[in-house]
Amino acid sequence: MRILLVEDTAGLGDAVREQIACDGHAVDWVQRLSHAEAAVRTTSYDLILLDLMLPDGQGLDFLKTRRQAGDTTPVIILTARDQISDRIAGLNAGADDYLVKPFDLSELSARIAAVARRYRGNPNPKIRIGHLEVDLSEHSVHRDGELVELTAREWALFEAFMQKPGMLLSKSQLEDQLYAFGDEIESNTIEVYVSRLRKKLGRDAIETVRGMGYRLHTSST
């Protein structure tokens, strides 16, 4: 997933970015609301992690503005405010989840995965795709009953396909899912990772549509 992290505390921002990058997500980290507003104008995000107290304003106002504009991007609030009234205000403003600082980074990973599953319309973490059994919460894949070992980047690419099964995804769309602003991307990176996934998941798992992109096969035939 491509995730926008809006957090002004350097130490926490570094830790969160490292955690979700290790989970295989692409992370853009900004420390001001003005930068967040610029980011969402130019980039399509799968999820936003939003602090409430920023140097140039309130995260809650940013959230309300996004929802009023029709933006349905899932949002998890990260804040030190732990009063019930604060949680209610955040949820009523359109947040999908609310995590109070300090929090365990593993719990954050679990919350991100849970919100993503809800937005895909399937809260069940275990799904079947053809010959593959996938556990979204464990980031594990079994092929015909055998465990398939995927690297974080391979999982991130596979997850991008799972988000839109059967749909054609362009190379640039896939790059957006895997890489944050400023990351250096080799011209053949997507081809390399698609090739690796085919070796592990099956030659026919991912179809190439020449000149257009790739799509995940969802049938067992």
N, C-alpha and C. Protein backbone atom coordinates (compact mmCIF):
# COMPACT_ATOMS: atom_id res chain seq x y z
N MET A 1 0.83 -1.20 0.00
CA MET A 1 0.00 0.00 0.00
C MET A 1 0.87 1.26 0.00
N ARG A 2 0.33 2.33 -0.50
CA ARG A 2 1.00 3.63 -0.42
C ARG A 2 0.36 4.38 0.75
N ILE A 3 1.18 4.73 1.74
CA ILE A 3 0.67 5.32 2.98
C ILE A 3 1.27 6.70 3.20
N LEU A 4 0.44 7.65 3.61
CA LEU A 4 0.90 8.98 3.99
C LEU A 4 0.93 9.06 5.51
N LEU A 5 2.10 9.34 6.06
CA LEU A 5 2.28 9.52 7.50
C LEU A 5 2.41 11.01 7.79
N VAL A 6 1.50 11.53 8.61
CA VAL A 6 1.52 12.95 9.01
C VAL A 6 1.83 13.00 10.50
N GLU A 7 3.08 13.28 10.83
CA GLU A 7 3.55 13.22 12.22
C GLU A 7 4.74 14.15 12.38
N ASP A 8 4.69 15.06 13.36
CA ASP A 8 5.76 16.05 13.48
C ASP A 8 6.85 15.66 14.47
N THR A 9 6.66 14.60 15.25
CA THR A 9 7.68 14.15 16.19
C THR A 9 8.69 13.27 15.46
N ALA A 10 9.94 13.73 15.40
CA ALA A 10 10.94 13.06 14.57
C ALA A 10 11.17 11.61 14.98
N GLY A 11 11.36 11.35 16.27
CA GLY A 11 11.66 10.00 16.72
C GLY A 11 10.53 9.03 16.41
N LEU A 12 9.31 9.44 16.71
CA LEU A 12 8.15 8.59 16.44
C LEU A 12 7.95 8.41 14.94
N GLY A 13 8.10 9.49 14.19
CA GLY A 13 7.95 9.39 12.75
C GLY A 13 8.92 8.42 12.13
N ASP A 14 10.18 8.47 12.57
CA ASP A 14 11.19 7.53 12.08
C ASP A 14 10.80 6.09 12.39
N ALA A 15 10.36 5.85 13.63
CA ALA A 15 10.01 4.50 14.06
C ALA A 15 8.82 3.96 13.28
N VAL A 16 7.79 4.79 13.11
CA VAL A 16 6.60 4.37 12.38
C VAL A 16 6.93 4.11 10.91
N ARG A 17 7.69 5.02 10.31
CA ARG A 17 8.06 4.84 8.91
C ARG A 17 8.83 3.54 8.72
N GLU A 18 9.78 3.28 9.60
CA GLU A 18 10.58 2.05 9.49
C GLU A 18 9.70 0.81 9.66
N GLN A 19 8.77 0.86 10.62
CA GLN A 19 7.90 -0.29 10.87
C GLN A 19 7.04 -0.62 9.64
N ILE A 20 6.36 0.37 9.10
CA ILE A 20 5.45 0.06 8.00
C ILE A 20 6.20 -0.17 6.69
N ALA A 21 7.41 0.38 6.57
CA ALA A 21 8.23 0.06 5.41
C ALA A 21 8.67 -1.40 5.48
N CYS A 22 8.99 -1.87 6.68
CA CYS A 22 9.37 -3.28 6.86
C CYS A 22 8.19 -4.21 6.57
N ASP A 23 6.98 -3.69 6.74
CA ASP A 23 5.78 -4.47 6.40
C ASP A 23 5.55 -4.52 4.89
N GLY A 24 6.36 -3.78 4.14
CA GLY A 24 6.27 -3.81 2.69
C GLY A 24 5.52 -2.66 2.07
N HIS A 25 5.15 -1.66 2.89
CA HIS A 25 4.39 -0.53 2.36
C HIS A 25 5.31 0.61 1.93
N ALA A 26 4.85 1.39 0.96
CA ALA A 26 5.56 2.62 0.59
C ALA A 26 5.05 3.74 1.48
N VAL A 27 5.97 4.51 2.07
CA VAL A 27 5.59 5.52 3.06
C VAL A 27 6.12 6.89 2.65
N ASP A 28 5.21 7.87 2.62
CA ASP A 28 5.61 9.27 2.47
C ASP A 28 5.35 9.94 3.81
N TRP A 29 6.40 10.51 4.41
CA TRP A 29 6.30 11.10 5.74
C TRP A 29 6.40 12.61 5.63
N VAL A 30 5.39 13.31 6.15
CA VAL A 30 5.41 14.77 6.21
C VAL A 30 5.17 15.20 7.64
N GLN A 31 5.63 16.41 7.98
CA GLN A 31 5.56 16.88 9.36
C GLN A 31 4.69 18.11 9.55
N ARG A 32 4.06 18.55 8.45
CA ARG A 32 3.17 19.71 8.52
C ARG A 32 1.91 19.42 7.71
N LEU A 33 0.80 20.04 8.13
CA LEU A 33 -0.45 19.85 7.41
C LEU A 33 -0.39 20.41 6.00
N SER A 34 0.33 21.51 5.81
CA SER A 34 0.45 22.09 4.47
C SER A 34 1.12 21.11 3.52
N HIS A 35 2.09 20.35 4.03
CA HIS A 35 2.76 19.35 3.20
C HIS A 35 1.83 18.16 2.94
N ALA A 36 1.01 17.82 3.94
CA ALA A 36 0.04 16.75 3.76
C ALA A 36 -0.98 17.12 2.69
N GLU A 37 -1.44 18.37 2.74
CA GLU A 37 -2.41 18.84 1.75
C GLU A 37 -1.83 18.80 0.34
N ALA A 38 -0.56 19.16 0.22
CA ALA A 38 0.10 19.10 -1.09
C ALA A 38 0.25 17.66 -1.56
N ALA A 39 0.55 16.77 -0.61
CA ALA A 39 0.75 15.35 -0.96
C ALA A 39 -0.52 14.72 -1.50
N VAL A 40 -1.66 14.96 -0.83
CA VAL A 40 -2.90 14.32 -1.26
C VAL A 40 -3.42 14.91 -2.57
N ARG A 41 -2.95 16.10 -2.91
CA ARG A 41 -3.36 16.69 -4.19
C ARG A 41 -2.66 16.02 -5.37
N THR A 42 -1.50 15.44 -5.12
CA THR A 42 -0.70 14.90 -6.22
C THR A 42 -0.57 13.39 -6.22
N THR A 43 -0.94 12.75 -5.10
CA THR A 43 -0.72 11.30 -4.97
C THR A 43 -1.97 10.62 -4.44
N SER A 44 -2.25 9.45 -4.96
CA SER A 44 -3.38 8.64 -4.48
C SER A 44 -2.88 7.69 -3.39
N TYR A 45 -3.39 7.87 -2.18
CA TYR A 45 -2.96 7.04 -1.05
C TYR A 45 -4.00 5.98 -0.70
N ASP A 46 -3.50 4.86 -0.19
CA ASP A 46 -4.38 3.79 0.28
C ASP A 46 -4.77 3.99 1.74
N LEU A 47 -3.97 4.78 2.47
CA LEU A 47 -4.24 4.99 3.89
C LEU A 47 -3.45 6.19 4.39
N ILE A 48 -4.02 6.92 5.35
CA ILE A 48 -3.33 8.06 5.97
C ILE A 48 -3.22 7.81 7.47
N LEU A 49 -2.03 7.98 8.02
CA LEU A 49 -1.80 7.96 9.46
C LEU A 49 -1.65 9.41 9.91
N LEU A 50 -2.56 9.87 10.77
CA LEU A 50 -2.69 11.30 11.02
C LEU A 50 -2.55 11.67 12.49
N ASP A 51 -1.55 12.47 12.80
CA ASP A 51 -1.43 13.07 14.13
C ASP A 51 -2.43 14.23 14.22
N LEU A 52 -2.87 14.53 15.43
CA LEU A 52 -3.87 15.60 15.59
C LEU A 52 -3.26 16.97 15.86
N MET A 53 -2.09 17.00 16.52
CA MET A 53 -1.46 18.28 16.86
C MET A 53 -0.24 18.49 15.97
N LEU A 54 -0.40 19.34 14.97
CA LEU A 54 0.69 19.64 14.04
C LEU A 54 1.12 21.08 14.20
N PRO A 55 2.34 21.44 13.80
CA PRO A 55 2.83 22.81 14.00
C PRO A 55 1.98 23.88 13.33
N ASP A 56 1.31 23.51 12.23
CA ASP A 56 0.54 24.51 11.49
C ASP A 56 -0.97 24.25 11.51
N GLY A 57 -1.43 23.49 12.51
CA GLY A 57 -2.87 23.31 12.60
C GLY A 57 -3.29 22.00 13.23
N GLN A 58 -4.59 21.73 13.16
CA GLN A 58 -5.18 20.56 13.78
C GLN A 58 -5.46 19.47 12.73
N GLY A 59 -5.00 18.27 13.04
CA GLY A 59 -5.24 17.16 12.14
C GLY A 59 -6.72 16.89 11.92
N LEU A 60 -7.52 17.16 12.95
CA LEU A 60 -8.96 16.93 12.84
C LEU A 60 -9.58 17.83 11.77
N ASP A 61 -9.10 19.07 11.67
CA ASP A 61 -9.61 19.97 10.63
C ASP A 61 -9.24 19.45 9.24
N PHE A 62 -8.02 18.95 9.11
CA PHE A 62 -7.57 18.36 7.85
C PHE A 62 -8.48 17.19 7.46
N LEU A 63 -8.78 16.33 8.44
CA LEU A 63 -9.64 15.18 8.19
C LEU A 63 -11.04 15.60 7.76
N LYS A 64 -11.61 16.55 8.49
CA LYS A 64 -12.96 17.02 8.15
C LYS A 64 -12.99 17.59 6.73
N THR A 65 -11.97 18.35 6.38
CA THR A 65 -11.92 18.95 5.04
C THR A 65 -11.85 17.87 3.96
N ARG A 66 -11.04 16.83 4.21
CA ARG A 66 -10.92 15.74 3.24
C ARG A 66 -12.25 15.02 3.07
N ARG A 67 -12.93 14.76 4.17
CA ARG A 67 -14.21 14.04 4.08
C ARG A 67 -15.27 14.91 3.40
N GLN A 68 -15.28 16.19 3.71
CA GLN A 68 -16.25 17.09 3.07
C GLN A 68 -16.02 17.19 1.56
N ALA A 69 -14.77 16.98 1.15
CA ALA A 69 -14.43 17.02 -0.27
C ALA A 69 -14.74 15.70 -0.96
N GLY A 70 -15.21 14.71 -0.20
CA GLY A 70 -15.56 13.42 -0.78
C GLY A 70 -14.45 12.40 -0.77
N ASP A 71 -13.34 12.71 -0.10
CA ASP A 71 -12.21 11.79 -0.02
C ASP A 71 -12.55 10.65 0.94
N THR A 72 -12.51 9.41 0.45
CA THR A 72 -12.84 8.24 1.29
C THR A 72 -11.61 7.46 1.72
N THR A 73 -10.42 8.01 1.50
CA THR A 73 -9.19 7.33 1.92
C THR A 73 -9.25 7.00 3.40
N PRO A 74 -9.01 5.74 3.79
CA PRO A 74 -9.04 5.39 5.21
C PRO A 74 -8.00 6.17 6.01
N VAL A 75 -8.38 6.55 7.24
CA VAL A 75 -7.51 7.35 8.10
C VAL A 75 -7.45 6.73 9.48
N ILE A 76 -6.24 6.54 9.98
CA ILE A 76 -6.01 6.12 11.37
C ILE A 76 -5.38 7.29 12.11
N ILE A 77 -6.03 7.75 13.17
CA ILE A 77 -5.49 8.84 13.97
C ILE A 77 -4.46 8.30 14.96
N LEU A 78 -3.31 8.99 15.04
CA LEU A 78 -2.26 8.68 16.00
C LEU A 78 -2.10 9.90 16.90
N THR A 79 -2.43 9.77 18.18
CA THR A 79 -2.42 10.95 19.04
C THR A 79 -2.19 10.60 20.50
N ALA A 80 -1.72 11.60 21.25
CA ALA A 80 -1.56 11.44 22.69
C ALA A 80 -2.87 11.72 23.44
N ARG A 81 -3.86 12.27 22.75
CA ARG A 81 -5.15 12.55 23.37
C ARG A 81 -5.90 11.25 23.63
N ASP A 82 -6.13 10.95 24.91
CA ASP A 82 -6.73 9.66 25.24
C ASP A 82 -8.10 9.75 25.88
N GLN A 83 -8.70 10.94 25.85
CA GLN A 83 -10.02 11.08 26.42
C GLN A 83 -11.08 10.47 25.49
N ILE A 84 -12.13 9.92 26.08
CA ILE A 84 -13.20 9.34 25.28
C ILE A 84 -13.79 10.37 24.33
N SER A 85 -13.92 11.61 24.82
CA SER A 85 -14.48 12.67 23.98
C SER A 85 -13.62 12.93 22.75
N ASP A 86 -12.28 12.80 22.92
CA ASP A 86 -11.39 12.99 21.78
C ASP A 86 -11.56 11.87 20.76
N ARG A 87 -11.72 10.65 21.26
CA ARG A 87 -11.91 9.52 20.35
C ARG A 87 -13.22 9.66 19.58
N ILE A 88 -14.25 10.05 20.29
CA ILE A 88 -15.55 10.23 19.64
C ILE A 88 -15.46 11.32 18.58
N ALA A 89 -14.78 12.42 18.89
CA ALA A 89 -14.63 13.51 17.93
C ALA A 89 -13.88 13.04 16.69
N GLY A 90 -12.84 12.25 16.89
CA GLY A 90 -12.06 11.75 15.77
C GLY A 90 -12.87 10.82 14.88
N LEU A 91 -13.60 9.90 15.50
CA LEU A 91 -14.41 8.95 14.73
C LEU A 91 -15.55 9.66 14.02
N ASN A 92 -16.15 10.62 14.70
CA ASN A 92 -17.25 11.37 14.09
C ASN A 92 -16.78 12.24 12.92
N ALA A 93 -15.51 12.63 12.96
CA ALA A 93 -14.96 13.43 11.87
C ALA A 93 -14.64 12.59 10.64
N GLY A 94 -14.69 11.26 10.80
CA GLY A 94 -14.46 10.38 9.65
C GLY A 94 -13.27 9.46 9.76
N ALA A 95 -12.63 9.40 10.95
CA ALA A 95 -11.50 8.48 11.12
C ALA A 95 -12.01 7.04 11.14
N ASP A 96 -11.17 6.13 10.69
CA ASP A 96 -11.52 4.72 10.67
C ASP A 96 -10.99 3.98 11.90
N ASP A 97 -10.00 4.55 12.54
CA ASP A 97 -9.45 3.95 13.75
C ASP A 97 -8.72 5.04 14.52
N TYR A 98 -8.40 4.75 15.78
CA TYR A 98 -7.84 5.76 16.68
C TYR A 98 -6.84 5.05 17.59
N LEU A 99 -5.57 5.42 17.50
CA LEU A 99 -4.53 4.76 18.27
C LEU A 99 -3.84 5.79 19.16
N VAL A 100 -3.82 5.51 20.46
CA VAL A 100 -3.28 6.46 21.44
C VAL A 100 -1.79 6.21 21.67
N LYS A 101 -1.01 7.28 21.64
CA LYS A 101 0.42 7.22 21.95
C LYS A 101 0.63 7.10 23.46
N PRO A 102 1.67 6.38 23.90
CA PRO A 102 2.54 5.54 23.08
C PRO A 102 1.85 4.22 22.72
N PHE A 103 2.15 3.71 21.55
CA PHE A 103 1.53 2.46 21.12
C PHE A 103 2.61 1.49 20.65
N ASP A 104 2.24 0.23 20.64
CA ASP A 104 3.15 -0.81 20.16
C ASP A 104 3.15 -0.80 18.63
N LEU A 105 4.31 -0.83 18.03
CA LEU A 105 4.40 -0.76 16.57
C LEU A 105 3.76 -1.97 15.90
N SER A 106 3.81 -3.11 16.56
CA SER A 106 3.16 -4.30 16.00
C SER A 106 1.64 -4.12 15.98
N GLU A 107 1.12 -3.44 17.00
CA GLU A 107 -0.32 -3.17 17.01
C GLU A 107 -0.68 -2.23 15.86
N LEU A 108 0.16 -1.25 15.60
CA LEU A 108 -0.08 -0.35 14.47
C LEU A 108 -0.16 -1.14 13.17
N SER A 109 0.77 -2.07 12.97
CA SER A 109 0.75 -2.90 11.76
C SER A 109 -0.56 -3.67 11.65
N ALA A 110 -1.02 -4.21 12.78
CA ALA A 110 -2.27 -4.97 12.78
C ALA A 110 -3.46 -4.08 12.47
N ARG A 111 -3.47 -2.86 13.03
CA ARG A 111 -4.57 -1.92 12.77
C ARG A 111 -4.60 -1.54 11.28
N ILE A 112 -3.43 -1.29 10.70
CA ILE A 112 -3.35 -0.94 9.28
C ILE A 112 -3.93 -2.07 8.43
N ALA A 113 -3.52 -3.29 8.74
CA ALA A 113 -4.01 -4.44 7.97
C ALA A 113 -5.52 -4.60 8.11
N ALA A 114 -6.04 -4.40 9.32
CA ALA A 114 -7.47 -4.56 9.56
C ALA A 114 -8.28 -3.52 8.80
N VAL A 115 -7.83 -2.27 8.83
CA VAL A 115 -8.54 -1.20 8.11
C VAL A 115 -8.51 -1.47 6.61
N ALA A 116 -7.36 -1.93 6.11
CA ALA A 116 -7.24 -2.23 4.68
C ALA A 116 -8.21 -3.33 4.28
N ARG A 117 -8.34 -4.36 5.12
CA ARG A 117 -9.26 -5.45 4.80
C ARG A 117 -10.70 -4.97 4.75
N ARG A 118 -11.07 -4.10 5.68
CA ARG A 118 -12.44 -3.59 5.69
C ARG A 118 -12.74 -2.81 4.41
N TYR A 119 -11.77 -2.03 3.96
CA TYR A 119 -12.00 -1.23 2.76
C TYR A 119 -12.04 -2.09 1.50
N ARG A 120 -11.43 -3.27 1.56
CA ARG A 120 -11.52 -4.17 0.41
C ARG A 120 -12.84 -4.94 0.42
N GLY A 121 -13.62 -4.78 1.48
CA GLY A 121 -14.91 -5.44 1.54
C GLY A 121 -14.86 -6.84 2.09
N ASN A 122 -13.71 -7.26 2.62
CA ASN A 122 -13.59 -8.60 3.17
C ASN A 122 -12.79 -8.54 4.47
N PRO A 123 -13.47 -8.51 5.62
CA PRO A 123 -12.76 -8.43 6.89
C PRO A 123 -12.04 -9.72 7.27
N ASN A 124 -12.32 -10.80 6.56
CA ASN A 124 -11.66 -12.08 6.83
C ASN A 124 -10.21 -12.00 6.35
N PRO A 125 -9.24 -12.23 7.22
CA PRO A 125 -7.83 -12.13 6.79
C PRO A 125 -7.39 -13.28 5.90
N LYS A 126 -8.19 -14.35 5.81
CA LYS A 126 -7.78 -15.51 5.01
C LYS A 126 -8.63 -15.58 3.75
N ILE A 127 -7.97 -15.57 2.61
CA ILE A 127 -8.67 -15.62 1.33
C ILE A 127 -8.01 -16.67 0.44
N ARG A 128 -8.74 -17.11 -0.58
CA ARG A 128 -8.21 -18.06 -1.56
C ARG A 128 -8.23 -17.40 -2.93
N ILE A 129 -7.11 -17.52 -3.63
CA ILE A 129 -6.98 -17.02 -5.00
C ILE A 129 -6.42 -18.16 -5.84
N GLY A 130 -7.29 -18.81 -6.60
CA GLY A 130 -6.84 -19.94 -7.39
C GLY A 130 -6.26 -21.03 -6.51
N HIS A 131 -5.01 -21.40 -6.78
CA HIS A 131 -4.33 -22.44 -5.99
C HIS A 131 -3.66 -21.88 -4.74
N LEU A 132 -3.85 -20.59 -4.49
CA LEU A 132 -3.15 -19.94 -3.39
C LEU A 132 -4.08 -19.70 -2.20
N GLU A 133 -3.56 -19.95 -1.01
CA GLU A 133 -4.25 -19.60 0.23
C GLU A 133 -3.45 -18.49 0.89
N VAL A 134 -4.11 -17.35 1.11
CA VAL A 134 -3.41 -16.15 1.58
C VAL A 134 -3.94 -15.74 2.94
N ASP A 135 -3.04 -15.48 3.88
CA ASP A 135 -3.40 -14.95 5.19
C ASP A 135 -2.89 -13.51 5.24
N LEU A 136 -3.81 -12.55 5.11
CA LEU A 136 -3.41 -11.15 5.04
C LEU A 136 -2.82 -10.65 6.34
N SER A 137 -3.29 -11.18 7.48
CA SER A 137 -2.77 -10.72 8.77
C SER A 137 -1.37 -11.23 9.04
N GLU A 138 -1.06 -12.42 8.54
CA GLU A 138 0.26 -13.03 8.77
C GLU A 138 1.23 -12.78 7.62
N HIS A 139 0.73 -12.16 6.54
CA HIS A 139 1.54 -11.95 5.34
C HIS A 139 2.13 -13.29 4.85
N SER A 140 1.29 -14.30 4.82
CA SER A 140 1.76 -15.62 4.41
C SER A 140 0.94 -16.12 3.23
N VAL A 141 1.60 -16.93 2.40
CA VAL A 141 0.96 -17.52 1.23
C VAL A 141 1.30 -19.00 1.18
N HIS A 142 0.29 -19.83 0.95
CA HIS A 142 0.50 -21.25 0.72
C HIS A 142 0.06 -21.58 -0.70
N ARG A 143 0.90 -22.30 -1.41
CA ARG A 143 0.59 -22.74 -2.76
C ARG A 143 0.42 -24.24 -2.76
N ASP A 144 -0.80 -24.70 -3.03
CA ASP A 144 -1.11 -26.13 -2.96
C ASP A 144 -0.66 -26.73 -1.64
N GLY A 145 -0.88 -25.96 -0.56
CA GLY A 145 -0.58 -26.44 0.78
C GLY A 145 0.84 -26.19 1.25
N GLU A 146 1.72 -25.75 0.36
CA GLU A 146 3.12 -25.51 0.72
C GLU A 146 3.36 -24.02 0.96
N LEU A 147 4.05 -23.69 2.06
CA LEU A 147 4.34 -22.30 2.38
C LEU A 147 5.27 -21.69 1.35
N VAL A 148 4.91 -20.49 0.89
CA VAL A 148 5.74 -19.74 -0.06
C VAL A 148 6.37 -18.57 0.69
N GLU A 149 7.68 -18.49 0.65
CA GLU A 149 8.39 -17.41 1.33
C GLU A 149 8.49 -16.19 0.41
N LEU A 150 7.89 -15.07 0.83
CA LEU A 150 7.96 -13.83 0.06
C LEU A 150 8.73 -12.78 0.85
N THR A 151 9.56 -12.01 0.16
CA THR A 151 10.22 -10.87 0.79
C THR A 151 9.18 -9.77 1.01
N ALA A 152 9.54 -8.76 1.79
CA ALA A 152 8.61 -7.66 2.06
C ALA A 152 8.20 -6.97 0.77
N ARG A 153 9.13 -6.75 -0.14
CA ARG A 153 8.81 -6.07 -1.39
C ARG A 153 7.97 -6.96 -2.30
N GLU A 154 8.25 -8.25 -2.31
CA GLU A 154 7.43 -9.18 -3.10
C GLU A 154 6.00 -9.22 -2.55
N TRP A 155 5.88 -9.22 -1.22
CA TRP A 155 4.54 -9.20 -0.63
C TRP A 155 3.80 -7.92 -0.99
N ALA A 156 4.51 -6.79 -0.95
CA ALA A 156 3.88 -5.51 -1.26
C ALA A 156 3.33 -5.50 -2.68
N LEU A 157 4.08 -6.07 -3.62
CA LEU A 157 3.61 -6.12 -5.00
C LEU A 157 2.42 -7.07 -5.12
N PHE A 158 2.50 -8.23 -4.47
CA PHE A 158 1.39 -9.18 -4.50
C PHE A 158 0.14 -8.57 -3.87
N GLU A 159 0.33 -7.82 -2.78
CA GLU A 159 -0.80 -7.16 -2.12
C GLU A 159 -1.45 -6.13 -3.04
N ALA A 160 -0.64 -5.42 -3.82
CA ALA A 160 -1.19 -4.45 -4.77
C ALA A 160 -2.10 -5.15 -5.78
N PHE A 161 -1.70 -6.32 -6.23
CA PHE A 161 -2.55 -7.09 -7.14
C PHE A 161 -3.81 -7.58 -6.43
N MET A 162 -3.67 -8.02 -5.18
CA MET A 162 -4.83 -8.54 -4.44
C MET A 162 -5.87 -7.46 -4.18
N GLN A 163 -5.42 -6.21 -4.05
CA GLN A 163 -6.36 -5.12 -3.82
C GLN A 163 -7.32 -4.95 -4.99
N LYS A 164 -6.84 -5.31 -6.19
CA LYS A 164 -7.67 -5.16 -7.39
C LYS A 164 -7.56 -6.43 -8.25
N PRO A 165 -8.08 -7.54 -7.73
CA PRO A 165 -7.93 -8.83 -8.44
C PRO A 165 -8.59 -8.80 -9.81
N GLY A 166 -7.85 -9.28 -10.80
CA GLY A 166 -8.37 -9.34 -12.15
C GLY A 166 -8.29 -8.04 -12.91
N MET A 167 -7.93 -6.94 -12.25
CA MET A 167 -7.85 -5.63 -12.91
C MET A 167 -6.45 -5.40 -13.45
N LEU A 168 -6.39 -4.72 -14.58
CA LEU A 168 -5.11 -4.40 -15.19
C LEU A 168 -4.46 -3.24 -14.46
N LEU A 169 -3.21 -3.43 -14.04
CA LEU A 169 -2.47 -2.39 -13.34
C LEU A 169 -1.24 -2.03 -14.16
N SER A 170 -1.06 -0.74 -14.38
CA SER A 170 0.09 -0.29 -15.17
C SER A 170 1.37 -0.35 -14.33
N LYS A 171 2.49 -0.28 -15.00
CA LYS A 171 3.78 -0.27 -14.32
C LYS A 171 3.88 0.90 -13.35
N SER A 172 3.41 2.07 -13.76
CA SER A 172 3.50 3.25 -12.89
C SER A 172 2.59 3.10 -11.67
N GLN A 173 1.43 2.48 -11.83
CA GLN A 173 0.56 2.23 -10.68
C GLN A 173 1.23 1.32 -9.67
N LEU A 174 1.90 0.30 -10.15
CA LEU A 174 2.58 -0.63 -9.26
C LEU A 174 3.78 0.03 -8.58
N GLU A 175 4.49 0.88 -9.31
CA GLU A 175 5.61 1.61 -8.71
C GLU A 175 5.12 2.51 -7.59
N ASP A 176 3.95 3.14 -7.78
CA ASP A 176 3.38 4.01 -6.74
C ASP A 176 3.07 3.23 -5.47
N GLN A 177 2.71 1.96 -5.62
CA GLN A 177 2.38 1.13 -4.46
C GLN A 177 3.64 0.73 -3.69
N LEU A 178 4.77 0.62 -4.40
CA LEU A 178 5.98 0.07 -3.79
C LEU A 178 6.97 1.12 -3.29
N TYR A 179 6.91 2.34 -3.84
CA TYR A 179 7.97 3.29 -3.56
C TYR A 179 7.44 4.64 -3.08
N ALA A 180 8.13 5.21 -2.12
CA ALA A 180 7.79 6.53 -1.59
C ALA A 180 8.50 7.61 -2.39
N PHE A 181 8.14 8.87 -2.10
CA PHE A 181 8.81 10.00 -2.76
C PHE A 181 10.32 9.90 -2.54
N GLY A 182 11.08 10.14 -3.59
CA GLY A 182 12.53 10.20 -3.45
C GLY A 182 13.23 8.87 -3.60
N ASP A 183 12.50 7.76 -3.60
CA ASP A 183 13.13 6.47 -3.78
C ASP A 183 13.63 6.34 -5.22
N GLU A 184 14.79 5.73 -5.37
CA GLU A 184 15.34 5.50 -6.71
C GLU A 184 14.76 4.20 -7.26
N ILE A 185 14.18 4.26 -8.45
CA ILE A 185 13.52 3.11 -9.05
C ILE A 185 14.22 2.74 -10.35
N GLU A 186 14.73 1.52 -10.43
CA GLU A 186 15.32 1.05 -11.67
C GLU A 186 14.22 0.83 -12.70
N SER A 187 14.55 1.00 -13.97
CA SER A 187 13.54 0.92 -15.02
C SER A 187 12.88 -0.44 -15.12
N ASN A 188 13.60 -1.50 -14.70
CA ASN A 188 13.05 -2.85 -14.83
C ASN A 188 12.65 -3.46 -13.50
N THR A 189 12.49 -2.63 -12.46
CA THR A 189 12.21 -3.14 -11.12
C THR A 189 10.91 -3.96 -11.09
N ILE A 190 9.85 -3.44 -11.66
CA ILE A 190 8.57 -4.15 -11.61
C ILE A 190 8.67 -5.47 -12.35
N GLU A 191 9.32 -5.47 -13.51
CA GLU A 191 9.49 -6.71 -14.26
C GLU A 191 10.23 -7.76 -13.43
N VAL A 192 11.26 -7.33 -12.72
CA VAL A 192 12.05 -8.25 -11.89
C VAL A 192 11.18 -8.88 -10.80
N TYR A 193 10.39 -8.05 -10.11
CA TYR A 193 9.57 -8.58 -9.02
C TYR A 193 8.40 -9.42 -9.53
N VAL A 194 7.84 -9.06 -10.67
CA VAL A 194 6.80 -9.90 -11.27
C VAL A 194 7.37 -11.27 -11.60
N SER A 195 8.58 -11.29 -12.16
CA SER A 195 9.23 -12.56 -12.49
C SER A 195 9.45 -13.41 -11.23
N ARG A 196 9.87 -12.78 -10.15
CA ARG A 196 10.09 -13.51 -8.89
C ARG A 196 8.78 -14.08 -8.36
N LEU A 197 7.71 -13.28 -8.44
CA LEU A 197 6.41 -13.77 -7.96
C LEU A 197 5.94 -14.96 -8.79
N ARG A 198 6.14 -14.90 -10.09
CA ARG A 198 5.73 -16.02 -10.95
C ARG A 198 6.48 -17.30 -10.58
N LYS A 199 7.77 -17.18 -10.27
CA LYS A 199 8.54 -18.36 -9.89
C LYS A 199 8.01 -18.98 -8.60
N LYS A 200 7.53 -18.12 -7.70
CA LYS A 200 7.09 -18.61 -6.39
C LYS A 200 5.61 -18.99 -6.36
N LEU A 201 4.78 -18.24 -7.10
CA LEU A 201 3.33 -18.44 -7.02
C LEU A 201 2.78 -19.24 -8.19
N GLY A 202 3.57 -19.40 -9.25
CA GLY A 202 3.10 -20.10 -10.43
C GLY A 202 3.24 -19.24 -11.66
N ARG A 203 3.63 -19.86 -12.74
CA ARG A 203 3.91 -19.13 -13.99
C ARG A 203 2.72 -18.32 -14.47
N ASP A 204 1.51 -18.83 -14.23
CA ASP A 204 0.30 -18.16 -14.72
C ASP A 204 -0.36 -17.27 -13.67
N ALA A 205 0.29 -17.07 -12.53
CA ALA A 205 -0.33 -16.29 -11.45
C ALA A 205 -0.56 -14.84 -11.87
N ILE A 206 0.38 -14.29 -12.63
CA ILE A 206 0.28 -12.89 -13.07
C ILE A 206 0.41 -12.83 -14.58
N GLU A 207 -0.54 -12.19 -15.22
CA GLU A 207 -0.57 -12.07 -16.68
C GLU A 207 0.03 -10.74 -17.11
N THR A 208 0.84 -10.78 -18.15
CA THR A 208 1.37 -9.57 -18.76
C THR A 208 0.51 -9.17 -19.95
N VAL A 209 0.05 -7.93 -19.96
CA VAL A 209 -0.64 -7.37 -21.12
C VAL A 209 0.34 -6.41 -21.78
N ARG A 210 0.93 -6.85 -22.85
CA ARG A 210 2.06 -6.13 -23.45
C ARG A 210 1.74 -4.66 -23.71
N GLY A 211 2.63 -3.80 -23.21
CA GLY A 211 2.49 -2.37 -23.41
C GLY A 211 1.50 -1.70 -22.49
N MET A 212 0.81 -2.49 -21.64
CA MET A 212 -0.22 -1.91 -20.78
C MET A 212 0.00 -2.18 -19.30
N GLY A 213 0.41 -3.40 -18.95
CA GLY A 213 0.63 -3.69 -17.53
C GLY A 213 0.44 -5.14 -17.19
N TYR A 214 -0.03 -5.38 -15.96
CA TYR A 214 -0.15 -6.72 -15.43
C TYR A 214 -1.46 -6.89 -14.69
N ARG A 215 -1.90 -8.14 -14.56
CA ARG A 215 -3.07 -8.40 -13.71
C ARG A 215 -2.94 -9.77 -13.08
N LEU A 216 -3.60 -9.90 -11.92
CA LEU A 216 -3.56 -11.14 -11.14
C LEU A 216 -4.65 -12.07 -11.64
N HIS A 217 -4.29 -13.31 -11.94
CA HIS A 217 -5.29 -14.31 -12.27
C HIS A 217 -5.98 -14.77 -10.99
N THR A 218 -7.29 -14.81 -11.01
CA THR A 218 -8.03 -15.16 -9.80
C THR A 218 -8.71 -16.51 -9.88
N SER A 219 -8.66 -17.18 -11.03
CA SER A 219 -9.29 -18.49 -11.16
C SER A 219 -8.23 -19.57 -10.99
N SER A 220 -8.70 -20.78 -10.77
CA SER A 220 -7.79 -21.91 -10.54
C SER A 220 -7.46 -22.64 -11.82
N THR A 221 -8.03 -22.18 -12.94
CA THR A 221 -7.78 -22.86 -14.22
C THR A 221 -6.64 -22.20 -14.96
